[in-house]
């Protein structure tokens, strides 16, 4: 039978993604931020005629390209839809991302026949 590893080694071997406390924190944050993200997707869909998938892609791209948390981008969009204003740098990223999406070539139809 093998001897258990010393506590310090166990702590080093724990994968952060496998730590239940870390995972619980991620789940709680997701539950708190998901509603505003869904509302922001709706704002993009209604404002620009985007599909749900395209609205999600826009949110993710703007978040990544502006180095801004996704839920912060979503908060800004929802606030703008209720009378606020999206900050200029974020507004520029949104405009550029939506413009790229609109000018991207459409996927060729699948040949199901």
PDB file of N, CA and C in Angstrom:
ATOM      1  N   UNK A   1       0.850  -1.185   0.000  1.00  0.00           N
ATOM      2  CA  UNK A   1       0.000   0.000   0.000  1.00  0.00           C
ATOM      3  C   UNK A   1       0.888   1.239   0.000  1.00  0.00           C
ATOM      4  N   UNK A   2       0.503   2.250  -0.785  1.00  0.00           N
ATOM      5  CA  UNK A   2       1.319   3.458  -0.858  1.00  0.00           C
ATOM      6  C   UNK A   2       0.958   4.413   0.258  1.00  0.00           C
ATOM      7  N   UNK A   3       1.941   5.169   0.655  1.00  0.00           N
ATOM      8  CA  UNK A   3       1.786   6.146   1.727  1.00  0.00           C
ATOM      9  C   UNK A   3       1.145   7.411   1.163  1.00  0.00           C
ATOM     10  N   UNK A   4       0.199   8.040   1.880  1.00  0.00           N
ATOM     11  CA  UNK A   4      -0.414   9.269   1.367  1.00  0.00           C
ATOM     12  C   UNK A   4       0.623  10.375   1.198  1.00  0.00           C
ATOM     13  N   UNK A   5       0.376  11.217   0.207  1.00  0.00           N
ATOM     14  CA  UNK A   5       1.279  12.331  -0.058  1.00  0.00           C
ATOM     15  C   UNK A   5       1.172  13.343   1.066  1.00  0.00           C
ATOM     16  N   UNK A   6       2.265  14.069   1.323  1.00  0.00           N
ATOM     17  CA  UNK A   6       2.199  15.111   2.353  1.00  0.00           C
ATOM     18  C   UNK A   6       1.196  16.194   1.955  1.00  0.00           C
ATOM     19  N   UNK A   7       0.576  16.872   2.921  1.00  0.00           N
ATOM     20  CA  UNK A   7      -0.458  17.875   2.610  1.00  0.00           C
ATOM     21  C   UNK A   7      -0.019  18.943   1.629  1.00  0.00           C
ATOM     22  N   UNK A   8       1.219  19.402   1.692  1.00  0.00           N
ATOM     23  CA  UNK A   8       1.657  20.454   0.770  1.00  0.00           C
ATOM     24  C   UNK A   8       1.650  19.950  -0.663  1.00  0.00           C
ATOM     25  N   UNK A   9       2.004  18.697  -0.871  1.00  0.00           N
ATOM     26  CA  UNK A   9       1.995  18.156  -2.219  1.00  0.00           C
ATOM     27  C   UNK A   9       0.569  18.025  -2.730  1.00  0.00           C
ATOM     28  N   UNK A  10      -0.343  17.613  -1.887  1.00  0.00           N
ATOM     29  CA  UNK A  10      -1.738  17.503  -2.296  1.00  0.00           C
ATOM     30  C   UNK A  10      -2.283  18.852  -2.730  1.00  0.00           C
ATOM     31  N   UNK A  11      -1.961  19.889  -1.981  1.00  0.00           N
ATOM     32  CA  UNK A  11      -2.442  21.229  -2.326  1.00  0.00           C
ATOM     33  C   UNK A  11      -1.912  21.663  -3.684  1.00  0.00           C
ATOM     34  N   UNK A  12      -0.678  21.297  -4.001  1.00  0.00           N
ATOM     35  CA  UNK A  12      -0.093  21.671  -5.285  1.00  0.00           C
ATOM     36  C   UNK A  12      -0.711  20.876  -6.427  1.00  0.00           C
ATOM     37  N   UNK A  13      -1.148  19.651  -6.152  1.00  0.00           N
ATOM     38  CA  UNK A  13      -1.682  18.779  -7.195  1.00  0.00           C
ATOM     39  C   UNK A  13      -3.150  19.038  -7.502  1.00  0.00           C
ATOM     40  N   UNK A  14      -3.837  19.790  -6.666  1.00  0.00           N
ATOM     41  CA  UNK A  14      -5.260  20.038  -6.890  1.00  0.00           C
ATOM     42  C   UNK A  14      -5.429  20.952  -8.091  1.00  0.00           C
ATOM     43  N   UNK A  15      -6.190  20.477  -9.049  1.00  0.00           N
ATOM     44  CA  UNK A  15      -6.511  21.276 -10.224  1.00  0.00           C
ATOM     45  C   UNK A  15      -7.568  22.294  -9.818  1.00  0.00           C
ATOM     46  N   UNK A  16      -7.310  23.561 -10.101  1.00  0.00           N
ATOM     47  CA  UNK A  16      -8.235  24.623  -9.702  1.00  0.00           C
ATOM     48  C   UNK A  16      -9.638  24.354 -10.239  1.00  0.00           C
ATOM     49  N   UNK A  17      -9.738  23.812 -11.454  1.00  0.00           N
ATOM     50  CA  UNK A  17     -11.047  23.546 -12.049  1.00  0.00           C
ATOM     51  C   UNK A  17     -11.761  22.403 -11.329  1.00  0.00           C
ATOM     52  N   UNK A  18     -11.039  21.556 -10.622  1.00  0.00           N
ATOM     53  CA  UNK A  18     -11.641  20.435  -9.916  1.00  0.00           C
ATOM     54  C   UNK A  18     -11.990  20.778  -8.472  1.00  0.00           C
ATOM     55  N   UNK A  19     -11.546  21.913  -7.995  1.00  0.00           N
ATOM     56  CA  UNK A  19     -11.834  22.321  -6.619  1.00  0.00           C
ATOM     57  C   UNK A  19     -13.314  22.679  -6.516  1.00  0.00           C
ATOM     58  N   UNK A  20     -14.073  21.966  -5.675  1.00  0.00           N
ATOM     59  CA  UNK A  20     -15.511  22.231  -5.586  1.00  0.00           C
ATOM     60  C   UNK A  20     -15.838  23.654  -5.138  1.00  0.00           C
ATOM     61  N   UNK A  21     -14.980  24.247  -4.328  1.00  0.00           N
ATOM     62  CA  UNK A  21     -15.236  25.625  -3.872  1.00  0.00           C
ATOM     63  C   UNK A  21     -15.101  26.612  -5.026  1.00  0.00           C
ATOM     64  N   UNK A  22     -14.111  26.387  -5.868  1.00  0.00           N
ATOM     65  CA  UNK A  22     -13.916  27.249  -7.041  1.00  0.00           C
ATOM     66  C   UNK A  22     -15.079  27.059  -8.006  1.00  0.00           C
ATOM     67  N   UNK A  23     -15.446  25.805  -8.229  1.00  0.00           N
ATOM     68  CA  UNK A  23     -16.552  25.515  -9.139  1.00  0.00           C
ATOM     69  C   UNK A  23     -17.853  26.133  -8.633  1.00  0.00           C
ATOM     70  N   UNK A  24     -18.089  26.066  -7.346  1.00  0.00           N
ATOM     71  CA  UNK A  24     -19.285  26.666  -6.760  1.00  0.00           C
ATOM     72  C   UNK A  24     -19.281  28.178  -6.975  1.00  0.00           C
ATOM     73  N   UNK A  25     -18.132  28.804  -6.816  1.00  0.00           N
ATOM     74  CA  UNK A  25     -18.021  30.242  -7.064  1.00  0.00           C
ATOM     75  C   UNK A  25     -18.345  30.600  -8.504  1.00  0.00           C
ATOM     76  N   UNK A  26     -17.843  29.791  -9.434  1.00  0.00           N
ATOM     77  CA  UNK A  26     -18.131  30.021 -10.858  1.00  0.00           C
ATOM     78  C   UNK A  26     -19.627  29.878 -11.139  1.00  0.00           C
ATOM     79  N   UNK A  27     -20.237  28.868 -10.562  1.00  0.00           N
ATOM     80  CA  UNK A  27     -21.671  28.655 -10.782  1.00  0.00           C
ATOM     81  C   UNK A  27     -22.502  29.797 -10.200  1.00  0.00           C
ATOM     82  N   UNK A  28     -22.128  30.254  -9.020  1.00  0.00           N
ATOM     83  CA  UNK A  28     -22.870  31.378  -8.417  1.00  0.00           C
ATOM     84  C   UNK A  28     -22.750  32.635  -9.274  1.00  0.00           C
ATOM     85  N   UNK A  29     -21.543  32.906  -9.765  1.00  0.00           N
ATOM     86  CA  UNK A  29     -21.338  34.087 -10.604  1.00  0.00           C
ATOM     87  C   UNK A  29     -22.145  33.958 -11.892  1.00  0.00           C
ATOM     88  N   UNK A  30     -22.172  32.775 -12.471  1.00  0.00           N
ATOM     89  CA  UNK A  30     -22.937  32.559 -13.701  1.00  0.00           C
ATOM     90  C   UNK A  30     -24.422  32.790 -13.463  1.00  0.00           C
ATOM     91  N   UNK A  31     -24.925  32.324 -12.329  1.00  0.00           N
ATOM     92  CA  UNK A  31     -26.344  32.512 -12.026  1.00  0.00           C
ATOM     93  C   UNK A  31     -26.681  33.990 -11.817  1.00  0.00           C
ATOM     94  N   UNK A  32     -25.744  34.752 -11.296  1.00  0.00           N
ATOM     95  CA  UNK A  32     -25.981  36.174 -11.073  1.00  0.00           C
ATOM     96  C   UNK A  32     -25.884  36.983 -12.353  1.00  0.00           C
ATOM     97  N   UNK A  33     -25.009  36.595 -13.265  1.00  0.00           N
ATOM     98  CA  UNK A  33     -24.777  37.394 -14.466  1.00  0.00           C
ATOM     99  C   UNK A  33     -25.589  36.934 -15.671  1.00  0.00           C
ATOM    100  N   UNK A  34     -26.103  35.732 -15.650  1.00  0.00           N
ATOM    101  CA  UNK A  34     -26.810  35.193 -16.813  1.00  0.00           C
ATOM    102  C   UNK A  34     -28.024  36.026 -17.236  1.00  0.00           C
ATOM    103  N   UNK A  35     -28.856  36.489 -16.299  1.00  0.00           N
ATOM    104  CA  UNK A  35     -30.032  37.270 -16.736  1.00  0.00           C
ATOM    105  C   UNK A  35     -29.665  38.530 -17.526  1.00  0.00           C
ATOM    106  N   UNK A  36     -28.659  39.268 -17.087  1.00  0.00           N
ATOM    107  CA  UNK A  36     -28.308  40.498 -17.808  1.00  0.00           C
ATOM    108  C   UNK A  36     -27.685  40.162 -19.164  1.00  0.00           C
ATOM    109  N   UNK A  37     -26.962  39.057 -19.238  1.00  0.00           N
ATOM    110  CA  UNK A  37     -26.388  38.642 -20.515  1.00  0.00           C
ATOM    111  C   UNK A  37     -27.504  38.268 -21.487  1.00  0.00           C
ATOM    112  N   UNK A  38     -28.504  37.550 -20.998  1.00  0.00           N
ATOM    113  CA  UNK A  38     -29.644  37.205 -21.859  1.00  0.00           C
ATOM    114  C   UNK A  38     -30.404  38.449 -22.310  1.00  0.00           C
ATOM    115  N   UNK A  39     -30.550  39.426 -21.423  1.00  0.00           N
ATOM    116  CA  UNK A  39     -31.224  40.675 -21.805  1.00  0.00           C
ATOM    117  C   UNK A  39     -30.415  41.412 -22.868  1.00  0.00           C
ATOM    118  N   UNK A  40     -29.101  41.434 -22.723  1.00  0.00           N
ATOM    119  CA  UNK A  40     -28.246  42.107 -23.705  1.00  0.00           C
ATOM    120  C   UNK A  40     -28.339  41.417 -25.064  1.00  0.00           C
ATOM    121  N   UNK A  41     -28.417  40.099 -25.060  1.00  0.00           N
ATOM    122  CA  UNK A  41     -28.613  39.378 -26.329  1.00  0.00           C
ATOM    123  C   UNK A  41     -29.926  39.809 -26.968  1.00  0.00           C
ATOM    124  N   UNK A  42     -30.944  39.933 -26.157  1.00  0.00           N
ATOM    125  CA  UNK A  42     -32.238  40.385 -26.664  1.00  0.00           C
ATOM    126  C   UNK A  42     -32.169  41.792 -27.237  1.00  0.00           C
ATOM    127  N   UNK A  43     -31.440  42.665 -26.575  1.00  0.00           N
ATOM    128  CA  UNK A  43     -31.269  44.038 -27.070  1.00  0.00           C
ATOM    129  C   UNK A  43     -30.607  44.012 -28.441  1.00  0.00           C
ATOM    130  N   UNK A  44     -29.550  43.222 -28.584  1.00  0.00           N
ATOM    131  CA  UNK A  44     -28.856  43.136 -29.869  1.00  0.00           C
ATOM    132  C   UNK A  44     -29.750  42.520 -30.946  1.00  0.00           C
ATOM    133  N   UNK A  45     -30.507  41.501 -30.568  1.00  0.00           N
ATOM    134  CA  UNK A  45     -31.400  40.854 -31.525  1.00  0.00           C
ATOM    135  C   UNK A  45     -32.475  41.822 -32.010  1.00  0.00           C
ATOM    136  N   UNK A  46     -33.064  42.570 -31.082  1.00  0.00           N
ATOM    137  CA  UNK A  46     -34.127  43.510 -31.446  1.00  0.00           C
ATOM    138  C   UNK A  46     -33.579  44.724 -32.193  1.00  0.00           C
ATOM    139  N   UNK A  47     -32.424  45.205 -31.777  1.00  0.00           N
ATOM    140  CA  UNK A  47     -31.876  46.428 -32.369  1.00  0.00           C
ATOM    141  C   UNK A  47     -31.263  46.205 -33.742  1.00  0.00           C
ATOM    142  N   UNK A  48     -30.652  45.052 -33.942  1.00  0.00           N
ATOM    143  CA  UNK A  48     -29.905  44.831 -35.176  1.00  0.00           C
ATOM    144  C   UNK A  48     -30.404  43.635 -35.988  1.00  0.00           C
ATOM    145  N   UNK A  49     -31.483  43.018 -35.550  1.00  0.00           N
ATOM    146  CA  UNK A  49     -32.036  41.882 -36.279  1.00  0.00           C
ATOM    147  C   UNK A  49     -31.116  40.674 -36.292  1.00  0.00           C
ATOM    148  N   UNK A  50     -30.354  40.498 -35.217  1.00  0.00           N
ATOM    149  CA  UNK A  50     -29.419  39.388 -35.158  1.00  0.00           C
ATOM    150  C   UNK A  50     -30.111  38.125 -34.645  1.00  0.00           C
ATOM    151  N   UNK A  51     -29.564  36.987 -35.001  1.00  0.00           N
ATOM    152  CA  UNK A  51     -30.030  35.726 -34.425  1.00  0.00           C
ATOM    153  C   UNK A  51     -29.464  35.634 -33.001  1.00  0.00           C
ATOM    154  N   UNK A  52     -29.968  34.702 -32.232  1.00  0.00           N
ATOM    155  CA  UNK A  52     -29.465  34.511 -30.863  1.00  0.00           C
ATOM    156  C   UNK A  52     -27.981  34.152 -30.885  1.00  0.00           C
ATOM    157  N   UNK A  53     -27.586  33.328 -31.839  1.00  0.00           N
ATOM    158  CA  UNK A  53     -26.184  32.925 -31.938  1.00  0.00           C
ATOM    159  C   UNK A  53     -25.290  34.105 -32.314  1.00  0.00           C
ATOM    160  N   UNK A  54     -25.750  34.920 -33.269  1.00  0.00           N
ATOM    161  CA  UNK A  54     -24.965  36.088 -33.678  1.00  0.00           C
ATOM    162  C   UNK A  54     -24.870  37.109 -32.540  1.00  0.00           C
ATOM    163  N   UNK A  55     -25.953  37.294 -31.792  1.00  0.00           N
ATOM    164  CA  UNK A  55     -25.924  38.224 -30.657  1.00  0.00           C
ATOM    165  C   UNK A  55     -24.918  37.748 -29.623  1.00  0.00           C
ATOM    166  N   UNK A  56     -24.886  36.441 -29.371  1.00  0.00           N
ATOM    167  CA  UNK A  56     -23.917  35.884 -28.432  1.00  0.00           C
ATOM    168  C   UNK A  56     -22.496  36.116 -28.950  1.00  0.00           C
ATOM    169  N   UNK A  57     -22.282  35.874 -30.248  1.00  0.00           N
ATOM    170  CA  UNK A  57     -20.958  36.073 -30.849  1.00  0.00           C
ATOM    171  C   UNK A  57     -20.497  37.516 -30.724  1.00  0.00           C
ATOM    172  N   UNK A  58     -21.419  38.450 -30.914  1.00  0.00           N
ATOM    173  CA  UNK A  58     -21.084  39.873 -30.790  1.00  0.00           C
ATOM    174  C   UNK A  58     -20.668  40.179 -29.348  1.00  0.00           C
ATOM    175  N   UNK A  59     -21.446  39.712 -28.385  1.00  0.00           N
ATOM    176  CA  UNK A  59     -21.107  39.964 -26.983  1.00  0.00           C
ATOM    177  C   UNK A  59     -19.728  39.407 -26.634  1.00  0.00           C
ATOM    178  N   UNK A  60     -19.463  38.188 -27.049  1.00  0.00           N
ATOM    179  CA  UNK A  60     -18.182  37.550 -26.741  1.00  0.00           C
ATOM    180  C   UNK A  60     -17.040  38.300 -27.418  1.00  0.00           C
ATOM    181  N   UNK A  61     -17.209  38.631 -28.698  1.00  0.00           N
ATOM    182  CA  UNK A  61     -16.149  39.331 -29.433  1.00  0.00           C
ATOM    183  C   UNK A  61     -15.859  40.700 -28.828  1.00  0.00           C
ATOM    184  N   UNK A  62     -16.899  41.444 -28.495  1.00  0.00           N
ATOM    185  CA  UNK A  62     -16.696  42.770 -27.903  1.00  0.00           C
ATOM    186  C   UNK A  62     -16.011  42.641 -26.548  1.00  0.00           C
ATOM    187  N   UNK A  63     -16.427  41.664 -25.774  1.00  0.00           N
ATOM    188  CA  UNK A  63     -15.809  41.427 -24.471  1.00  0.00           C
ATOM    189  C   UNK A  63     -14.318  41.139 -24.624  1.00  0.00           C
ATOM    190  N   UNK A  64     -13.995  40.240 -25.535  1.00  0.00           N
ATOM    191  CA  UNK A  64     -12.594  39.867 -25.733  1.00  0.00           C
ATOM    192  C   UNK A  64     -11.775  41.006 -26.328  1.00  0.00           C
ATOM    193  N   UNK A  65     -12.329  41.685 -27.320  1.00  0.00           N
ATOM    194  CA  UNK A  65     -11.577  42.753 -28.006  1.00  0.00           C
ATOM    195  C   UNK A  65     -11.418  44.011 -27.170  1.00  0.00           C
ATOM    196  N   UNK A  66     -12.271  44.174 -26.177  1.00  0.00           N
ATOM    197  CA  UNK A  66     -12.156  45.360 -25.323  1.00  0.00           C
ATOM    198  C   UNK A  66     -11.579  45.013 -23.952  1.00  0.00           C
ATOM    199  N   UNK A  67     -11.262  43.732 -23.752  1.00  0.00           N
ATOM    200  CA  UNK A  67     -10.743  43.266 -22.468  1.00  0.00           C
ATOM    201  C   UNK A  67     -11.676  43.665 -21.328  1.00  0.00           C
ATOM    202  N   UNK A  68     -12.964  43.450 -21.566  1.00  0.00           N
ATOM    203  CA  UNK A  68     -14.013  43.792 -20.611  1.00  0.00           C
ATOM    204  C   UNK A  68     -14.799  42.523 -20.307  1.00  0.00           C
ATOM    205  N   UNK A  69     -15.109  42.309 -19.047  1.00  0.00           N
ATOM    206  CA  UNK A  69     -15.896  41.136 -18.666  1.00  0.00           C
ATOM    207  C   UNK A  69     -17.208  41.131 -19.447  1.00  0.00           C
ATOM    208  N   UNK A  70     -17.637  39.941 -19.841  1.00  0.00           N
ATOM    209  CA  UNK A  70     -18.858  39.792 -20.623  1.00  0.00           C
ATOM    210  C   UNK A  70     -20.060  40.408 -19.915  1.00  0.00           C
ATOM    211  N   UNK A  71     -20.183  40.181 -18.622  1.00  0.00           N
ATOM    212  CA  UNK A  71     -21.342  40.718 -17.911  1.00  0.00           C
ATOM    213  C   UNK A  71     -21.299  42.242 -17.820  1.00  0.00           C
ATOM    214  N   UNK A  72     -20.116  42.839 -17.879  1.00  0.00           N
ATOM    215  CA  UNK A  72     -20.009  44.304 -17.875  1.00  0.00           C
ATOM    216  C   UNK A  72     -20.473  44.857 -19.224  1.00  0.00           C
ATOM    217  N   UNK A  73     -20.079  44.209 -20.316  1.00  0.00           N
ATOM    218  CA  UNK A  73     -20.559  44.607 -21.645  1.00  0.00           C
ATOM    219  C   UNK A  73     -22.083  44.510 -21.673  1.00  0.00           C
ATOM    220  N   UNK A  74     -22.607  43.411 -21.143  1.00  0.00           N
ATOM    221  CA  UNK A  74     -24.056  43.211 -21.108  1.00  0.00           C
ATOM    222  C   UNK A  74     -24.738  44.287 -20.264  1.00  0.00           C
ATOM    223  N   UNK A  75     -24.177  44.597 -19.107  1.00  0.00           N
ATOM    224  CA  UNK A  75     -24.742  45.658 -18.248  1.00  0.00           C
ATOM    225  C   UNK A  75     -24.833  46.985 -18.998  1.00  0.00           C
ATOM    226  N   UNK A  76     -23.773  47.309 -19.725  1.00  0.00           N
ATOM    227  CA  UNK A  76     -23.736  48.574 -20.469  1.00  0.00           C
ATOM    228  C   UNK A  76     -24.822  48.611 -21.552  1.00  0.00           C
ATOM    229  N   UNK A  77     -24.998  47.500 -22.254  1.00  0.00           N
ATOM    230  CA  UNK A  77     -26.022  47.441 -23.306  1.00  0.00           C
ATOM    231  C   UNK A  77     -27.423  47.558 -22.733  1.00  0.00           C
ATOM    232  N   UNK A  78     -27.680  46.846 -21.646  1.00  0.00           N
ATOM    233  CA  UNK A  78     -29.006  46.901 -21.026  1.00  0.00           C
ATOM    234  C   UNK A  78     -29.267  48.298 -20.475  1.00  0.00           C
ATOM    235  N   UNK A  79     -28.266  48.909 -19.875  1.00  0.00           N
ATOM    236  CA  UNK A  79     -28.431  50.275 -19.367  1.00  0.00           C
ATOM    237  C   UNK A  79     -28.737  51.238 -20.506  1.00  0.00           C
ATOM    238  N   UNK A  80     -28.082  51.052 -21.651  1.00  0.00           N
ATOM    239  CA  UNK A  80     -28.336  51.921 -22.803  1.00  0.00           C
ATOM    240  C   UNK A  80     -29.753  51.736 -23.325  1.00  0.00           C
ATOM    241  N   UNK A  81     -30.241  50.509 -23.278  1.00  0.00           N
ATOM    242  CA  UNK A  81     -31.594  50.234 -23.760  1.00  0.00           C
ATOM    243  C   UNK A  81     -32.652  50.851 -22.851  1.00  0.00           C
ATOM    244  N   UNK A  82     -32.276  51.153 -21.635  1.00  0.00           N
ATOM    245  CA  UNK A  82     -33.226  51.751 -20.683  1.00  0.00           C
ATOM    246  C   UNK A  82     -32.925  53.216 -20.433  1.00  0.00           C
ATOM    247  N   UNK A  83     -32.256  53.860 -21.381  1.00  0.00           N
ATOM    248  CA  UNK A  83     -32.054  55.297 -21.303  1.00  0.00           C
ATOM    249  C   UNK A  83     -30.641  55.763 -21.063  1.00  0.00           C
ATOM    250  N   UNK A  84     -29.734  54.854 -20.817  1.00  0.00           N
ATOM    251  CA  UNK A  84     -28.335  55.239 -20.596  1.00  0.00           C
ATOM    252  C   UNK A  84     -27.598  55.362 -21.914  1.00  0.00           C
ATOM    253  N   UNK A  85     -26.291  55.414 -21.827  1.00  0.00           N
ATOM    254  CA  UNK A  85     -25.481  55.502 -23.037  1.00  0.00           C
ATOM    255  C   UNK A  85     -24.288  54.574 -22.901  1.00  0.00           C
ATOM    256  N   UNK A  86     -24.007  53.821 -23.954  1.00  0.00           N
ATOM    257  CA  UNK A  86     -22.849  52.932 -23.971  1.00  0.00           C
ATOM    258  C   UNK A  86     -21.599  53.800 -24.089  1.00  0.00           C
ATOM    259  N   UNK A  87     -20.585  53.562 -23.259  1.00  0.00           N
ATOM    260  CA  UNK A  87     -19.339  54.341 -23.366  1.00  0.00           C
ATOM    261  C   UNK A  87     -18.752  54.256 -24.777  1.00  0.00           C
ATOM    262  N   UNK A  88     -18.159  55.342 -25.225  1.00  0.00           N
ATOM    263  CA  UNK A  88     -17.685  55.451 -26.602  1.00  0.00           C
ATOM    264  C   UNK A  88     -16.768  54.302 -27.029  1.00  0.00           C
ATOM    265  N   UNK A  89     -15.757  53.909 -26.242  1.00  0.00           N
ATOM    266  CA  UNK A  89     -14.893  52.809 -26.709  1.00  0.00           C
ATOM    267  C   UNK A  89     -15.667  51.511 -26.923  1.00  0.00           C
ATOM    268  N   UNK A  90     -16.596  51.229 -26.042  1.00  0.00           N
ATOM    269  CA  UNK A  90     -17.404  50.022 -26.169  1.00  0.00           C
ATOM    270  C   UNK A  90     -18.359  50.139 -27.355  1.00  0.00           C
ATOM    271  N   UNK A  91     -18.912  51.329 -27.549  1.00  0.00           N
ATOM    272  CA  UNK A  91     -19.817  51.580 -28.677  1.00  0.00           C
ATOM    273  C   UNK A  91     -19.074  51.360 -29.999  1.00  0.00           C
ATOM    274  N   UNK A  92     -17.820  51.797 -30.062  1.00  0.00           N
ATOM    275  CA  UNK A  92     -17.028  51.606 -31.279  1.00  0.00           C
ATOM    276  C   UNK A  92     -16.756  50.129 -31.544  1.00  0.00           C
ATOM    277  N   UNK A  93     -16.448  49.381 -30.486  1.00  0.00           N
ATOM    278  CA  UNK A  93     -16.217  47.936 -30.634  1.00  0.00           C
ATOM    279  C   UNK A  93     -17.492  47.230 -31.086  1.00  0.00           C
ATOM    280  N   UNK A  94     -18.625  47.621 -30.523  1.00  0.00           N
ATOM    281  CA  UNK A  94     -19.906  47.038 -30.930  1.00  0.00           C
ATOM    282  C   UNK A  94     -20.178  47.310 -32.409  1.00  0.00           C
ATOM    283  N   UNK A  95     -20.013  48.556 -32.813  1.00  0.00           N
ATOM    284  CA  UNK A  95     -20.275  48.933 -34.201  1.00  0.00           C
ATOM    285  C   UNK A  95     -19.372  48.154 -35.152  1.00  0.00           C
ATOM    286  N   UNK A  96     -18.094  48.051 -34.826  1.00  0.00           N
ATOM    287  CA  UNK A  96     -17.148  47.339 -35.693  1.00  0.00           C
ATOM    288  C   UNK A  96     -17.488  45.852 -35.765  1.00  0.00           C
ATOM    289  N   UNK A  97     -17.840  45.262 -34.635  1.00  0.00           N
ATOM    290  CA  UNK A  97     -18.151  43.830 -34.605  1.00  0.00           C
ATOM    291  C   UNK A  97     -19.421  43.530 -35.378  1.00  0.00           C
ATOM    292  N   UNK A  98     -20.440  44.346 -35.203  1.00  0.00           N
ATOM    293  CA  UNK A  98     -21.697  44.139 -35.925  1.00  0.00           C
ATOM    294  C   UNK A  98     -21.490  44.378 -37.421  1.00  0.00           C
ATOM    295  N   UNK A  99     -20.699  45.370 -37.766  1.00  0.00           N
ATOM    296  CA  UNK A  99     -20.404  45.641 -39.164  1.00  0.00           C
ATOM    297  C   UNK A  99     -19.694  44.454 -39.815  1.00  0.00           C
ATOM    298  N   UNK A 100     -18.734  43.869 -39.113  1.00  0.00           N
ATOM    299  CA  UNK A 100     -18.031  42.695 -39.636  1.00  0.00           C
ATOM    300  C   UNK A 100     -18.991  41.528 -39.821  1.00  0.00           C
ATOM    301  N   UNK A 101     -19.898  41.376 -38.890  1.00  0.00           N
ATOM    302  CA  UNK A 101     -20.870  40.292 -38.956  1.00  0.00           C
ATOM    303  C   UNK A 101     -21.787  40.471 -40.167  1.00  0.00           C
ATOM    304  N   UNK A 102     -22.198  41.710 -40.419  1.00  0.00           N
ATOM    305  CA  UNK A 102     -23.111  41.986 -41.523  1.00  0.00           C
ATOM    306  C   UNK A 102     -22.440  41.843 -42.881  1.00  0.00           C
ATOM    307  N   UNK A 103     -21.120  42.068 -42.938  1.00  0.00           N
ATOM    308  CA  UNK A 103     -20.419  41.989 -44.213  1.00  0.00           C
ATOM    309  C   UNK A 103     -19.779  40.633 -44.448  1.00  0.00           C
ATOM    310  N   UNK A 104     -19.836  39.745 -43.449  1.00  0.00           N
ATOM    311  CA  UNK A 104     -19.263  38.402 -43.598  1.00  0.00           C
ATOM    312  C   UNK A 104     -20.084  37.630 -44.625  1.00  0.00           C
ATOM    313  N   UNK A 105     -19.423  36.866 -45.462  1.00  0.00           N
ATOM    314  CA  UNK A 105     -20.174  36.080 -46.451  1.00  0.00           C
ATOM    315  C   UNK A 105     -21.049  35.057 -45.751  1.00  0.00           C
ATOM    316  N   UNK A 106     -22.224  34.869 -46.270  1.00  0.00           N
ATOM    317  CA  UNK A 106     -23.156  33.896 -45.691  1.00  0.00           C
ATOM    318  C   UNK A 106     -22.633  32.504 -45.945  1.00  0.00           C
ATOM    319  N   UNK A 107     -22.917  31.626 -45.022  1.00  0.00           N
ATOM    320  CA  UNK A 107     -22.499  30.226 -45.185  1.00  0.00           C
ATOM    321  C   UNK A 107     -23.274  29.629 -46.348  1.00  0.00           C
ATOM    322  N   UNK A 108     -22.610  28.830 -47.180  1.00  0.00           N
ATOM    323  CA  UNK A 108     -23.314  28.241 -48.317  1.00  0.00           C
ATOM    324  C   UNK A 108     -24.387  27.280 -47.811  1.00  0.00           C
ATOM    325  N   UNK A 109     -25.507  27.227 -48.517  1.00  0.00           N
ATOM    326  CA  UNK A 109     -26.568  26.320 -48.085  1.00  0.00           C
ATOM    327  C   UNK A 109     -26.085  24.882 -48.153  1.00  0.00           C
ATOM    328  N   UNK A 110     -26.530  24.085 -47.202  1.00  0.00           N
ATOM    329  CA  UNK A 110     -26.114  22.682 -47.207  1.00  0.00           C
ATOM    330  C   UNK A 110     -26.887  21.944 -48.294  1.00  0.00           C
ATOM    331  N   UNK A 111     -26.250  20.966 -48.863  1.00  0.00           N
ATOM    332  CA  UNK A 111     -26.866  20.195 -49.938  1.00  0.00           C
ATOM    333  C   UNK A 111     -27.480  18.938 -49.322  1.00  0.00           C
ATOM    334  N   UNK A 112     -28.722  19.082 -48.857  1.00  0.00           N
ATOM    335  CA  UNK A 112     -29.371  17.976 -48.139  1.00  0.00           C
ATOM    336  C   UNK A 112     -30.038  17.001 -49.095  1.00  0.00           C
ATOM    337  N   UNK A 113     -30.055  17.266 -50.365  1.00  0.00           N
ATOM    338  CA  UNK A 113     -30.806  16.438 -51.305  1.00  0.00           C
ATOM    339  C   UNK A 113     -29.999  15.446 -51.934  1.00  0.00           C
TER     340      UNK A 113
END
